């Protein structure tokens, strides 16, 4: 589904990613794990069109997308839930969800109603708070809203950047249960996450990022058993 080869990207004169290559097959949950500053968010930015790579290729379902703008990439079926959630705080929960379906507005209310029902089935609290300003929600509820907003675009590939950031442990568990549920519904997921333990629980495969380079790639069970990964990222 997604193939990345030789990706180099950064900000101005600062190079962050160096010859990064990875792939994601349909139906998988793939995790990117690494410490803060390893390049996880930069990778997500490059894949979503928010950051233009210097060199390298990104192909989605056989089509080169590395030079396409973010809105075109969303229309192709890739949607990013950004680090820090970034909901539209003055807007209501309902209005935030409608923004997620902005590019689908011509499909009509009936088509969107199905998606609202799906999001509300995944996150019942959003339905309870649909008229509430997003800025008044708790951190966990805002993360649910950010994911729900992305789902309204009907993504084939859902990318989640640090979904556990700043959340209480019980809420983190709830969010990761949702990730597993969405994957069971057929959504392919690329997950960038500092909480390596939780990421490896839901992932089928993973990549370890260090200083903008992939230093290890294996299935989730192998990464969890790797001595260096256990010491560096699992606290064992």
C-alpha atoms as a PDB file:
ATOM      1  CA  UNK A   1       0.000   0.000   0.000  1.00  0.00           C
ATOM      2  CA  UNK A   2       2.698   2.492   1.069  1.00  0.00           C
ATOM      3  CA  UNK A   3       6.351   2.294   0.067  1.00  0.00           C
ATOM      4  CA  UNK A   4       8.973   4.818   1.123  1.00  0.00           C
ATOM      5  CA  UNK A   5      12.514   4.644  -0.256  1.00  0.00           C
ATOM      6  CA  UNK A   6      15.593   6.731   0.478  1.00  0.00           C
ATOM      7  CA  UNK A   7      13.691   9.575   2.123  1.00  0.00           C
ATOM      8  CA  UNK A   8      15.661  12.624   3.208  1.00  0.00           C
ATOM      9  CA  UNK A   9      13.792  15.522   4.805  1.00  0.00           C
ATOM     10  CA  UNK A  10      14.246  18.310   7.305  1.00  0.00           C
ATOM     11  CA  UNK A  11      13.655  21.964   8.060  1.00  0.00           C
ATOM     12  CA  UNK A  12      15.725  24.549   6.231  1.00  0.00           C
ATOM     13  CA  UNK A  13      19.378  23.584   6.573  1.00  0.00           C
ATOM     14  CA  UNK A  14      18.630  21.049   9.295  1.00  0.00           C
ATOM     15  CA  UNK A  15      18.423  17.506   7.945  1.00  0.00           C
ATOM     16  CA  UNK A  16      16.312  15.210  10.121  1.00  0.00           C
ATOM     17  CA  UNK A  17      15.615  12.091   8.034  1.00  0.00           C
ATOM     18  CA  UNK A  18      18.449  10.242   6.338  1.00  0.00           C
ATOM     19  CA  UNK A  19      17.781   7.567   3.693  1.00  0.00           C
ATOM     20  CA  UNK A  20      14.645   6.375   5.438  1.00  0.00           C
ATOM     21  CA  UNK A  21      12.858   3.418   3.841  1.00  0.00           C
ATOM     22  CA  UNK A  22       9.756   1.589   5.037  1.00  0.00           C
ATOM     23  CA  UNK A  23       6.633  -0.076   3.763  1.00  0.00           C
ATOM     24  CA  UNK A  24       3.093  -0.609   4.978  1.00  0.00           C
ATOM     25  CA  UNK A  25       0.837  -3.336   3.594  1.00  0.00           C
ATOM     26  CA  UNK A  26      -2.934  -3.191   3.570  1.00  0.00           C
ATOM     27  CA  UNK A  27      -4.511  -4.260   6.851  1.00  0.00           C
ATOM     28  CA  UNK A  28      -1.370  -3.838   8.958  1.00  0.00           C
ATOM     29  CA  UNK A  29      -0.655  -1.763  12.026  1.00  0.00           C
ATOM     30  CA  UNK A  30       2.927  -0.537  11.682  1.00  0.00           C
ATOM     31  CA  UNK A  31       4.616   1.363  14.494  1.00  0.00           C
ATOM     32  CA  UNK A  32       7.512   3.794  14.438  1.00  0.00           C
ATOM     33  CA  UNK A  33       9.194   3.884  17.814  1.00  0.00           C
ATOM     34  CA  UNK A  34      12.009   6.078  18.992  1.00  0.00           C
ATOM     35  CA  UNK A  35      12.935   8.703  21.536  1.00  0.00           C
ATOM     36  CA  UNK A  36      11.877  12.328  21.368  1.00  0.00           C
ATOM     37  CA  UNK A  37      13.665  13.951  18.427  1.00  0.00           C
ATOM     38  CA  UNK A  38      14.292  10.683  16.584  1.00  0.00           C
ATOM     39  CA  UNK A  39      12.368  11.882  13.517  1.00  0.00           C
ATOM     40  CA  UNK A  40       8.954  10.262  13.979  1.00  0.00           C
ATOM     41  CA  UNK A  41       6.912  13.446  13.509  1.00  0.00           C
ATOM     42  CA  UNK A  42       9.108  14.546  10.602  1.00  0.00           C
ATOM     43  CA  UNK A  43       8.386  11.214   8.928  1.00  0.00           C
ATOM     44  CA  UNK A  44       4.654  11.709   9.417  1.00  0.00           C
ATOM     45  CA  UNK A  45       4.877  15.247   8.080  1.00  0.00           C
ATOM     46  CA  UNK A  46       6.674  14.092   4.931  1.00  0.00           C
ATOM     47  CA  UNK A  47       4.223  11.258   4.309  1.00  0.00           C
ATOM     48  CA  UNK A  48       1.190  13.533   4.746  1.00  0.00           C
ATOM     49  CA  UNK A  49       2.464  16.292   2.458  1.00  0.00           C
ATOM     50  CA  UNK A  50       3.026  18.835   5.222  1.00  0.00           C
ATOM     51  CA  UNK A  51       6.771  18.646   4.607  1.00  0.00           C
ATOM     52  CA  UNK A  52       8.373  18.328   1.177  1.00  0.00           C
ATOM     53  CA  UNK A  53      11.167  15.707   1.059  1.00  0.00           C
ATOM     54  CA  UNK A  54      14.567  16.766  -0.221  1.00  0.00           C
ATOM     55  CA  UNK A  55      15.126  13.438  -1.987  1.00  0.00           C
ATOM     56  CA  UNK A  56      13.504  10.024  -1.948  1.00  0.00           C
ATOM     57  CA  UNK A  57      10.227   8.515  -3.082  1.00  0.00           C
ATOM     58  CA  UNK A  58       6.841   7.928  -1.469  1.00  0.00           C
ATOM     59  CA  UNK A  59       4.397   5.701  -3.347  1.00  0.00           C
ATOM     60  CA  UNK A  60       0.824   5.048  -2.244  1.00  0.00           C
ATOM     61  CA  UNK A  61      -0.983   2.252  -4.069  1.00  0.00           C
ATOM     62  CA  UNK A  62       1.571   2.577  -6.860  1.00  0.00           C
ATOM     63  CA  UNK A  63       1.235   6.352  -7.303  1.00  0.00           C
ATOM     64  CA  UNK A  64       4.110   8.708  -6.496  1.00  0.00           C
ATOM     65  CA  UNK A  65       2.907  11.244  -3.918  1.00  0.00           C
ATOM     66  CA  UNK A  66       6.121  12.828  -2.602  1.00  0.00           C
ATOM     67  CA  UNK A  67       5.485  16.044  -4.546  1.00  0.00           C
ATOM     68  CA  UNK A  68       1.734  16.207  -4.004  1.00  0.00           C
ATOM     69  CA  UNK A  69       0.143  18.787  -1.662  1.00  0.00           C
ATOM     70  CA  UNK A  70      -1.430  17.686   1.596  1.00  0.00           C
ATOM     71  CA  UNK A  71      -5.005  18.136   0.382  1.00  0.00           C
ATOM     72  CA  UNK A  72      -4.370  15.837  -2.579  1.00  0.00           C
ATOM     73  CA  UNK A  73      -2.848  13.211  -0.295  1.00  0.00           C
ATOM     74  CA  UNK A  74      -5.921  13.338   1.949  1.00  0.00           C
ATOM     75  CA  UNK A  75      -8.142  12.848  -1.083  1.00  0.00           C
ATOM     76  CA  UNK A  76      -6.047   9.780  -1.996  1.00  0.00           C
ATOM     77  CA  UNK A  77      -7.000   8.237   1.342  1.00  0.00           C
ATOM     78  CA  UNK A  78      -4.154   9.114   3.730  1.00  0.00           C
ATOM     79  CA  UNK A  79      -5.098  11.102   6.821  1.00  0.00           C
ATOM     80  CA  UNK A  80      -2.876  12.246   9.688  1.00  0.00           C
ATOM     81  CA  UNK A  81      -3.935  12.702  13.297  1.00  0.00           C
ATOM     82  CA  UNK A  82      -1.228  15.188  14.317  1.00  0.00           C
ATOM     83  CA  UNK A  83       0.812  15.283  17.486  1.00  0.00           C
ATOM     84  CA  UNK A  84      -0.934  17.452  20.067  1.00  0.00           C
ATOM     85  CA  UNK A  85      -4.412  16.756  18.578  1.00  0.00           C
ATOM     86  CA  UNK A  86      -4.884  20.290  17.146  1.00  0.00           C
ATOM     87  CA  UNK A  87      -8.657  20.338  17.249  1.00  0.00           C
ATOM     88  CA  UNK A  88     -10.456  23.546  16.291  1.00  0.00           C
ATOM     89  CA  UNK A  89     -11.076  24.692  19.843  1.00  0.00           C
ATOM     90  CA  UNK A  90     -13.806  27.355  19.305  1.00  0.00           C
ATOM     91  CA  UNK A  91     -15.833  24.972  17.114  1.00  0.00           C
ATOM     92  CA  UNK A  92     -18.186  22.351  18.495  1.00  0.00           C
ATOM     93  CA  UNK A  93     -17.449  18.642  18.411  1.00  0.00           C
ATOM     94  CA  UNK A  94     -19.922  18.276  15.561  1.00  0.00           C
ATOM     95  CA  UNK A  95     -18.315  21.100  13.586  1.00  0.00           C
ATOM     96  CA  UNK A  96     -14.866  19.567  14.051  1.00  0.00           C
ATOM     97  CA  UNK A  97     -16.149  16.275  12.670  1.00  0.00           C
ATOM     98  CA  UNK A  98     -17.721  18.096   9.743  1.00  0.00           C
ATOM     99  CA  UNK A  99     -14.328  19.682   9.001  1.00  0.00           C
ATOM    100  CA  UNK A 100     -12.896  16.181   8.694  1.00  0.00           C
ATOM    101  CA  UNK A 101     -15.401  15.480   5.936  1.00  0.00           C
ATOM    102  CA  UNK A 102     -14.798  18.785   4.156  1.00  0.00           C
ATOM    103  CA  UNK A 103     -13.528  17.201   0.944  1.00  0.00           C
ATOM    104  CA  UNK A 104     -16.552  14.867   0.909  1.00  0.00           C
ATOM    105  CA  UNK A 105     -19.193  17.563   1.375  1.00  0.00           C
ATOM    106  CA  UNK A 106     -20.648  16.987  -2.107  1.00  0.00           C
ATOM    107  CA  UNK A 107     -21.613  13.428  -1.180  1.00  0.00           C
ATOM    108  CA  UNK A 108     -24.644  14.643   0.733  1.00  0.00           C
ATOM    109  CA  UNK A 109     -25.944  14.356   4.262  1.00  0.00           C
ATOM    110  CA  UNK A 110     -27.003  10.728   3.947  1.00  0.00           C
ATOM    111  CA  UNK A 111     -23.486   9.560   3.134  1.00  0.00           C
ATOM    112  CA  UNK A 112     -22.010  11.606   5.962  1.00  0.00           C
ATOM    113  CA  UNK A 113     -24.658  10.368   8.406  1.00  0.00           C
ATOM    114  CA  UNK A 114     -23.219   6.857   8.071  1.00  0.00           C
ATOM    115  CA  UNK A 115     -19.788   8.161   9.031  1.00  0.00           C
ATOM    116  CA  UNK A 116     -21.130  10.147  11.980  1.00  0.00           C
ATOM    117  CA  UNK A 117     -22.812   6.977  13.223  1.00  0.00           C
ATOM    118  CA  UNK A 118     -19.536   5.065  12.868  1.00  0.00           C
ATOM    119  CA  UNK A 119     -17.524   7.691  14.757  1.00  0.00           C
ATOM    120  CA  UNK A 120     -20.145   7.890  17.503  1.00  0.00           C
ATOM    121  CA  UNK A 121     -20.143   4.095  17.823  1.00  0.00           C
ATOM    122  CA  UNK A 122     -16.378   4.183  18.372  1.00  0.00           C
ATOM    123  CA  UNK A 123     -16.486   7.249  20.651  1.00  0.00           C
ATOM    124  CA  UNK A 124     -19.896   7.508  22.390  1.00  0.00           C
ATOM    125  CA  UNK A 125     -18.669  10.473  24.440  1.00  0.00           C
ATOM    126  CA  UNK A 126     -18.348  12.550  21.293  1.00  0.00           C
ATOM    127  CA  UNK A 127     -22.037  12.058  20.611  1.00  0.00           C
ATOM    128  CA  UNK A 128     -22.857  13.150  24.164  1.00  0.00           C
ATOM    129  CA  UNK A 129     -20.722  16.276  23.701  1.00  0.00           C
ATOM    130  CA  UNK A 130     -21.441  17.006  20.032  1.00  0.00           C
ATOM    131  CA  UNK A 131     -22.650  20.565  20.745  1.00  0.00           C
ATOM    132  CA  UNK A 132     -19.827  21.337  23.186  1.00  0.00           C
ATOM    133  CA  UNK A 133     -16.850  23.531  22.132  1.00  0.00           C
ATOM    134  CA  UNK A 134     -13.850  21.307  21.447  1.00  0.00           C
ATOM    135  CA  UNK A 135     -11.627  23.492  23.626  1.00  0.00           C
ATOM    136  CA  UNK A 136     -13.630  22.533  26.724  1.00  0.00           C
ATOM    137  CA  UNK A 137     -13.031  18.789  26.285  1.00  0.00           C
ATOM    138  CA  UNK A 138     -10.501  16.859  28.329  1.00  0.00           C
ATOM    139  CA  UNK A 139      -7.216  15.853  26.706  1.00  0.00           C
ATOM    140  CA  UNK A 140      -8.464  12.314  26.141  1.00  0.00           C
ATOM    141  CA  UNK A 141     -11.701  13.538  24.610  1.00  0.00           C
ATOM    142  CA  UNK A 142      -9.783  15.879  22.312  1.00  0.00           C
ATOM    143  CA  UNK A 143      -7.681  12.925  21.153  1.00  0.00           C
ATOM    144  CA  UNK A 144     -10.873  10.988  20.449  1.00  0.00           C
ATOM    145  CA  UNK A 145     -12.161  13.972  18.494  1.00  0.00           C
ATOM    146  CA  UNK A 146      -8.944  14.267  16.484  1.00  0.00           C
ATOM    147  CA  UNK A 147      -9.179  10.591  15.531  1.00  0.00           C
ATOM    148  CA  UNK A 148     -12.897  10.924  14.793  1.00  0.00           C
ATOM    149  CA  UNK A 149     -12.236  13.949  12.587  1.00  0.00           C
ATOM    150  CA  UNK A 150      -9.710  11.911  10.587  1.00  0.00           C
ATOM    151  CA  UNK A 151     -12.146   9.007  10.249  1.00  0.00           C
ATOM    152  CA  UNK A 152     -14.678  11.356   8.656  1.00  0.00           C
ATOM    153  CA  UNK A 153     -12.378  11.504   5.614  1.00  0.00           C
ATOM    154  CA  UNK A 154     -12.774   7.717   5.190  1.00  0.00           C
ATOM    155  CA  UNK A 155      -9.025   7.022   5.173  1.00  0.00           C
ATOM    156  CA  UNK A 156      -7.455   3.910   3.695  1.00  0.00           C
ATOM    157  CA  UNK A 157      -4.318   4.691   5.721  1.00  0.00           C
ATOM    158  CA  UNK A 158      -4.728   6.357   9.107  1.00  0.00           C
ATOM    159  CA  UNK A 159      -1.542   7.891  10.524  1.00  0.00           C
ATOM    160  CA  UNK A 160      -1.395   8.623  14.252  1.00  0.00           C
ATOM    161  CA  UNK A 161       1.398  10.807  15.623  1.00  0.00           C
ATOM    162  CA  UNK A 162       1.986  10.307  19.372  1.00  0.00           C
ATOM    163  CA  UNK A 163      -1.656   9.571  20.295  1.00  0.00           C
ATOM    164  CA  UNK A 164      -0.754   8.844  23.942  1.00  0.00           C
ATOM    165  CA  UNK A 165       1.007  12.171  24.538  1.00  0.00           C
ATOM    166  CA  UNK A 166      -0.123  13.908  27.732  1.00  0.00           C
ATOM    167  CA  UNK A 167      -2.842  11.406  28.556  1.00  0.00           C
ATOM    168  CA  UNK A 168      -3.512   9.477  31.754  1.00  0.00           C
ATOM    169  CA  UNK A 169      -2.680   5.735  31.658  1.00  0.00           C
ATOM    170  CA  UNK A 170      -6.336   4.638  31.646  1.00  0.00           C
ATOM    171  CA  UNK A 171      -7.093   6.967  28.741  1.00  0.00           C
ATOM    172  CA  UNK A 172      -4.014   5.717  26.876  1.00  0.00           C
ATOM    173  CA  UNK A 173      -5.301   2.170  27.226  1.00  0.00           C
ATOM    174  CA  UNK A 174      -8.684   3.266  25.879  1.00  0.00           C
ATOM    175  CA  UNK A 175      -7.097   4.979  22.867  1.00  0.00           C
ATOM    176  CA  UNK A 176      -5.014   1.919  22.026  1.00  0.00           C
ATOM    177  CA  UNK A 177      -8.054  -0.322  22.340  1.00  0.00           C
ATOM    178  CA  UNK A 178      -9.684   1.940  19.760  1.00  0.00           C
ATOM    179  CA  UNK A 179      -6.641   1.619  17.479  1.00  0.00           C
ATOM    180  CA  UNK A 180      -6.974  -2.164  17.598  1.00  0.00           C
ATOM    181  CA  UNK A 181     -10.718  -1.907  16.940  1.00  0.00           C
ATOM    182  CA  UNK A 182     -10.231   0.383  13.929  1.00  0.00           C
ATOM    183  CA  UNK A 183      -7.704  -2.025  12.473  1.00  0.00           C
ATOM    184  CA  UNK A 184     -10.194  -4.866  12.962  1.00  0.00           C
ATOM    185  CA  UNK A 185     -12.650  -2.753  10.935  1.00  0.00           C
ATOM    186  CA  UNK A 186     -10.183  -2.878   8.043  1.00  0.00           C
ATOM    187  CA  UNK A 187      -8.307   0.414   8.452  1.00  0.00           C
ATOM    188  CA  UNK A 188      -4.549   0.256   7.875  1.00  0.00           C
ATOM    189  CA  UNK A 189      -2.633   2.221  10.505  1.00  0.00           C
ATOM    190  CA  UNK A 190       0.817   3.787  10.743  1.00  0.00           C
ATOM    191  CA  UNK A 191       1.540   4.716  14.345  1.00  0.00           C
ATOM    192  CA  UNK A 192       4.376   6.934  15.606  1.00  0.00           C
ATOM    193  CA  UNK A 193       4.640   6.524  19.340  1.00  0.00           C
ATOM    194  CA  UNK A 194       7.088   7.034  22.211  1.00  0.00           C
ATOM    195  CA  UNK A 195       5.162   4.548  24.344  1.00  0.00           C
ATOM    196  CA  UNK A 196       6.853   1.575  22.713  1.00  0.00           C
ATOM    197  CA  UNK A 197       5.203  -0.980  24.968  1.00  0.00           C
ATOM    198  CA  UNK A 198       1.684   0.033  23.948  1.00  0.00           C
ATOM    199  CA  UNK A 199       2.645   0.463  20.296  1.00  0.00           C
ATOM    200  CA  UNK A 200       4.130  -3.017  20.050  1.00  0.00           C
ATOM    201  CA  UNK A 201       1.024  -4.515  21.652  1.00  0.00           C
ATOM    202  CA  UNK A 202      -1.183  -3.412  18.740  1.00  0.00           C
ATOM    203  CA  UNK A 203       1.347  -3.495  15.881  1.00  0.00           C
ATOM    204  CA  UNK A 204       2.157  -6.343  13.531  1.00  0.00           C
ATOM    205  CA  UNK A 205       5.569  -4.893  12.603  1.00  0.00           C
ATOM    206  CA  UNK A 206       7.691  -1.985  13.677  1.00  0.00           C
ATOM    207  CA  UNK A 207      10.628   0.250  12.841  1.00  0.00           C
ATOM    208  CA  UNK A 208      13.028   1.771  15.355  1.00  0.00           C
ATOM    209  CA  UNK A 209      14.103   5.330  14.505  1.00  0.00           C
ATOM    210  CA  UNK A 210      17.280   6.853  15.856  1.00  0.00           C
ATOM    211  CA  UNK A 211      18.681  10.221  14.744  1.00  0.00           C
ATOM    212  CA  UNK A 212      16.512  10.208  11.632  1.00  0.00           C
ATOM    213  CA  UNK A 213      17.527   6.728  10.500  1.00  0.00           C
ATOM    214  CA  UNK A 214      15.875   3.338  10.815  1.00  0.00           C
ATOM    215  CA  UNK A 215      18.230   1.203  12.842  1.00  0.00           C
ATOM    216  CA  UNK A 216      16.021  -1.850  13.294  1.00  0.00           C
ATOM    217  CA  UNK A 217      12.981  -3.327  11.535  1.00  0.00           C
ATOM    218  CA  UNK A 218      11.192  -6.507  12.579  1.00  0.00           C
ATOM    219  CA  UNK A 219       7.846  -7.932  13.538  1.00  0.00           C
ATOM    220  CA  UNK A 220       6.435  -6.652  16.822  1.00  0.00           C
ATOM    221  CA  UNK A 221       7.215  -9.796  18.812  1.00  0.00           C
ATOM    222  CA  UNK A 222      10.855  -9.745  17.712  1.00  0.00           C
ATOM    223  CA  UNK A 223      11.227  -6.065  18.605  1.00  0.00           C
ATOM    224  CA  UNK A 224       9.665  -6.650  22.005  1.00  0.00           C
ATOM    225  CA  UNK A 225      12.137  -9.457  22.648  1.00  0.00           C
ATOM    226  CA  UNK A 226      15.175  -7.546  21.376  1.00  0.00           C
ATOM    227  CA  UNK A 227      17.533  -6.767  24.253  1.00  0.00           C
ATOM    228  CA  UNK A 228      18.490  -3.299  22.981  1.00  0.00           C
ATOM    229  CA  UNK A 229      14.841  -2.327  22.426  1.00  0.00           C
ATOM    230  CA  UNK A 230      13.848  -3.647  25.845  1.00  0.00           C
ATOM    231  CA  UNK A 231      16.574  -1.627  27.520  1.00  0.00           C
ATOM    232  CA  UNK A 232      16.145   1.604  25.529  1.00  0.00           C
ATOM    233  CA  UNK A 233      12.380   1.799  25.068  1.00  0.00           C
ATOM    234  CA  UNK A 234      10.630  -0.698  27.359  1.00  0.00           C
ATOM    235  CA  UNK A 235      12.450   0.044  30.591  1.00  0.00           C
ATOM    236  CA  UNK A 236      13.523  -3.581  31.044  1.00  0.00           C
END
